[in-house]
Protein backbone atom coordinates (compact mmCIF):
# COMPACT_ATOMS: atom_id res chain seq x y z
CA MET A 1 87.90 107.97 105.36
CA LYS A 2 88.21 109.13 108.95
CA SER A 3 90.46 107.16 111.25
CA LYS A 4 89.91 106.32 114.88
CA LEU A 5 92.61 105.42 117.36
CA PRO A 6 91.99 102.04 118.95
CA HIS A 7 95.51 101.81 120.40
CA SER A 8 97.47 104.12 122.68
CA THR A 9 101.13 104.89 122.13
CA ALA A 10 103.93 106.80 123.83
CA ILE A 11 104.71 108.60 120.55
CA SER A 12 104.56 112.31 121.34
CA LEU A 13 102.16 113.35 118.57
CA SER A 14 98.74 114.41 119.83
CA GLU A 15 95.79 112.09 119.38
CA LYS A 16 94.21 114.53 116.93
CA THR A 17 97.40 114.70 114.87
CA ARG A 18 97.82 110.94 114.88
CA ALA A 19 94.22 110.43 113.75
CA ALA A 20 94.70 112.90 110.88
CA VAL A 21 97.98 111.28 109.83
CA ILE A 22 96.47 107.79 109.98
CA THR A 23 93.75 109.02 107.62
CA LEU A 24 96.47 110.22 105.21
CA LEU A 25 98.30 106.91 105.53
CA ASN A 26 95.20 104.83 104.87
CA GLN A 27 94.36 106.91 101.79
CA GLN A 28 97.81 106.28 100.37
CA LEU A 29 97.61 102.62 101.40
CA ALA A 30 94.45 102.31 99.29
CA ASN A 31 96.00 104.18 96.36
CA VAL A 32 99.29 102.29 96.31
CA SER A 33 97.64 98.90 96.86
CA ASP A 34 95.29 99.57 93.95
CA LEU A 35 98.19 100.84 91.82
CA TYR A 36 100.15 97.67 92.62
CA SER A 37 97.26 95.43 91.58
CA GLN A 38 96.68 97.40 88.38
CA THR A 39 100.37 97.20 87.52
CA LYS A 40 100.27 93.43 88.00
CA GLN A 41 97.11 93.30 85.86
CA ALA A 42 99.05 94.94 83.03
CA HIS A 43 102.04 92.63 83.67
CA TRP A 44 99.90 89.50 83.40
CA ASN A 45 97.92 90.56 80.34
CA VAL A 46 100.28 92.52 78.09
CA ARG A 47 100.63 91.09 74.56
CA GLY A 48 102.23 92.06 71.29
CA PRO A 49 105.68 92.81 69.89
CA GLU A 50 106.63 94.76 73.03
CA PHE A 51 105.58 91.86 75.29
CA TYR A 52 108.85 90.97 76.97
CA GLN A 53 110.04 94.54 77.51
CA LEU A 54 106.70 95.66 78.98
CA HIS A 55 106.09 92.45 80.93
CA LYS A 56 109.44 92.99 82.67
CA LEU A 57 108.93 96.75 83.08
CA PHE A 58 105.55 96.29 84.76
CA ASP A 59 106.99 93.72 87.14
CA ASP A 60 109.92 96.03 87.92
CA LEU A 61 107.48 98.86 88.67
CA ALA A 62 105.26 96.71 90.89
CA GLU A 63 108.03 95.19 93.00
CA PRO A 64 109.06 98.26 95.05
CA LEU A 65 105.42 99.13 95.71
CA GLU A 66 105.12 96.06 97.93
CA GLU A 67 107.69 97.42 100.38
CA HIS A 68 106.05 100.86 100.38
CA ILE A 69 102.64 99.29 101.04
CA ASP A 70 104.08 97.50 104.06
CA THR A 71 105.81 100.66 105.34
CA VAL A 72 102.68 102.80 104.99
CA ALA A 73 100.50 100.19 106.72
CA GLU A 74 102.96 99.70 109.57
CA ARG A 75 103.21 103.47 110.13
CA ALA A 76 99.42 103.68 110.56
CA VAL A 77 99.56 100.93 113.19
CA THR A 78 102.63 102.48 114.85
CA LEU A 79 100.63 105.67 115.40
CA GLY A 80 97.85 103.73 117.15
CA GLY A 81 95.54 103.19 114.19
CA VAL A 82 94.40 100.32 112.05
CA ALA A 83 95.83 99.78 108.58
CA LEU A 84 92.91 99.41 106.17
CA GLY A 85 94.76 97.18 103.75
CA THR A 86 92.28 94.71 102.32
CA VAL A 87 91.49 94.52 98.63
CA ARG A 88 87.97 95.72 99.43
CA ALA A 89 89.30 98.73 101.36
CA ALA A 90 91.62 99.62 98.48
CA ALA A 91 88.77 99.33 95.97
CA LYS A 92 86.48 101.45 98.12
CA HIS A 93 88.95 104.24 98.87
CA SER A 94 91.38 104.37 95.93
CA GLU A 95 91.59 107.64 94.03
CA ILE A 96 92.50 105.95 90.75
CA PRO A 97 90.01 104.62 88.21
CA GLU A 98 89.53 100.94 87.45
CA PHE A 99 92.03 99.55 84.97
CA PRO A 100 90.74 98.69 81.49
CA ASP A 101 90.55 94.99 80.65
CA GLU A 102 92.37 94.80 77.31
CA PRO A 103 93.64 98.15 76.09
CA GLY A 104 96.69 96.79 74.23
CA ALA A 105 100.41 96.92 74.96
CA MET A 106 101.24 100.62 74.57
CA GLU A 107 97.82 101.60 75.87
CA TYR A 108 98.73 99.74 79.09
CA VAL A 109 101.76 102.01 79.33
CA LYS A 110 99.63 105.14 78.84
CA GLU A 111 97.01 103.98 81.35
CA LEU A 112 99.64 103.13 83.94
CA ALA A 113 101.44 106.45 83.40
CA LYS A 114 98.20 108.29 84.21
CA ARG A 115 97.62 106.21 87.33
CA TYR A 116 101.19 106.50 88.61
CA ALA A 117 101.02 110.28 88.11
CA THR A 118 97.69 110.47 89.97
CA VAL A 119 99.10 108.59 92.94
CA ALA A 120 102.39 110.53 92.83
CA ASN A 121 100.47 113.81 92.95
CA SER A 122 98.29 112.55 95.81
CA VAL A 123 101.41 111.50 97.74
CA ARG A 124 102.92 114.97 97.24
CA GLU A 125 99.79 116.46 98.80
CA ALA A 126 100.12 113.97 101.67
CA ILE A 127 103.75 115.05 102.21
CA ASP A 128 102.61 118.66 102.67
CA ALA A 129 99.73 117.63 104.92
CA ALA A 130 101.92 115.44 107.15
CA ASP A 131 104.48 118.23 107.34
CA LYS A 132 101.81 120.76 108.36
CA LEU A 133 100.60 118.32 111.02
CA GLY A 134 104.15 118.18 112.42
CA ASP A 135 104.85 114.53 111.57
CA ALA A 136 108.23 114.65 109.84
CA ASN A 137 108.58 110.86 109.94
CA THR A 138 105.41 110.29 107.91
CA ALA A 139 106.33 113.16 105.57
CA ASP A 140 109.69 111.43 105.04
CA LEU A 141 107.99 108.08 104.40
CA PHE A 142 105.77 109.76 101.80
CA THR A 143 108.81 111.49 100.26
CA ALA A 144 110.52 108.14 99.64
CA LEU A 145 107.31 106.83 98.07
CA SER A 146 107.02 109.99 95.95
CA ARG A 147 110.53 109.51 94.53
CA GLU A 148 109.69 105.92 93.55
CA LEU A 149 106.43 106.96 91.89
CA ASP A 150 108.03 109.87 90.02
CA LYS A 151 110.71 107.52 88.67
CA ALA A 152 107.97 105.13 87.50
CA VAL A 153 106.16 107.99 85.73
CA TYR A 154 109.45 108.82 83.97
CA PHE A 155 109.94 105.19 82.89
CA LEU A 156 106.40 104.99 81.55
CA GLU A 157 106.30 108.41 79.87
CA ALA A 158 109.69 107.77 78.21
CA HIS A 159 107.86 105.42 75.84
CA PHE A 160 106.07 108.43 74.34
CA ARG A 161 108.75 111.12 74.33
CA LYS A 162 110.63 112.01 71.17
């Protein structure tokens, strides 16, 4: 997904750098938007003896993603780009697989753990890329997102640790 710059800005990053960073931002926008929707899918459909605990956990995991989605999208626009934030854009560009329809309560946890880890690892790569491009602000934005995702992986994986 290559980004173009339809808007000018007085921000001192070069046009080439801004275009590269906007591409990183839109990739993570797709990933986190898809992760949010998959987390809500699990929240809505979980059943079984663990229902209440997991229903609440999934909602608690989804909630902070909304703010990160907004922050990532607004950063892309701030740099002169367009935030590709539709459901169709997320489906087309997300790096995570489609969520299974009815895997069962603890299987939802396992499936979400895999997806949160995939996005967390992708965000870590984006931190390094933004840093190499000289955009500390975007690297910092990704770092905050990375901490949130790592915490979610911990919460999910804790269900399977002895």
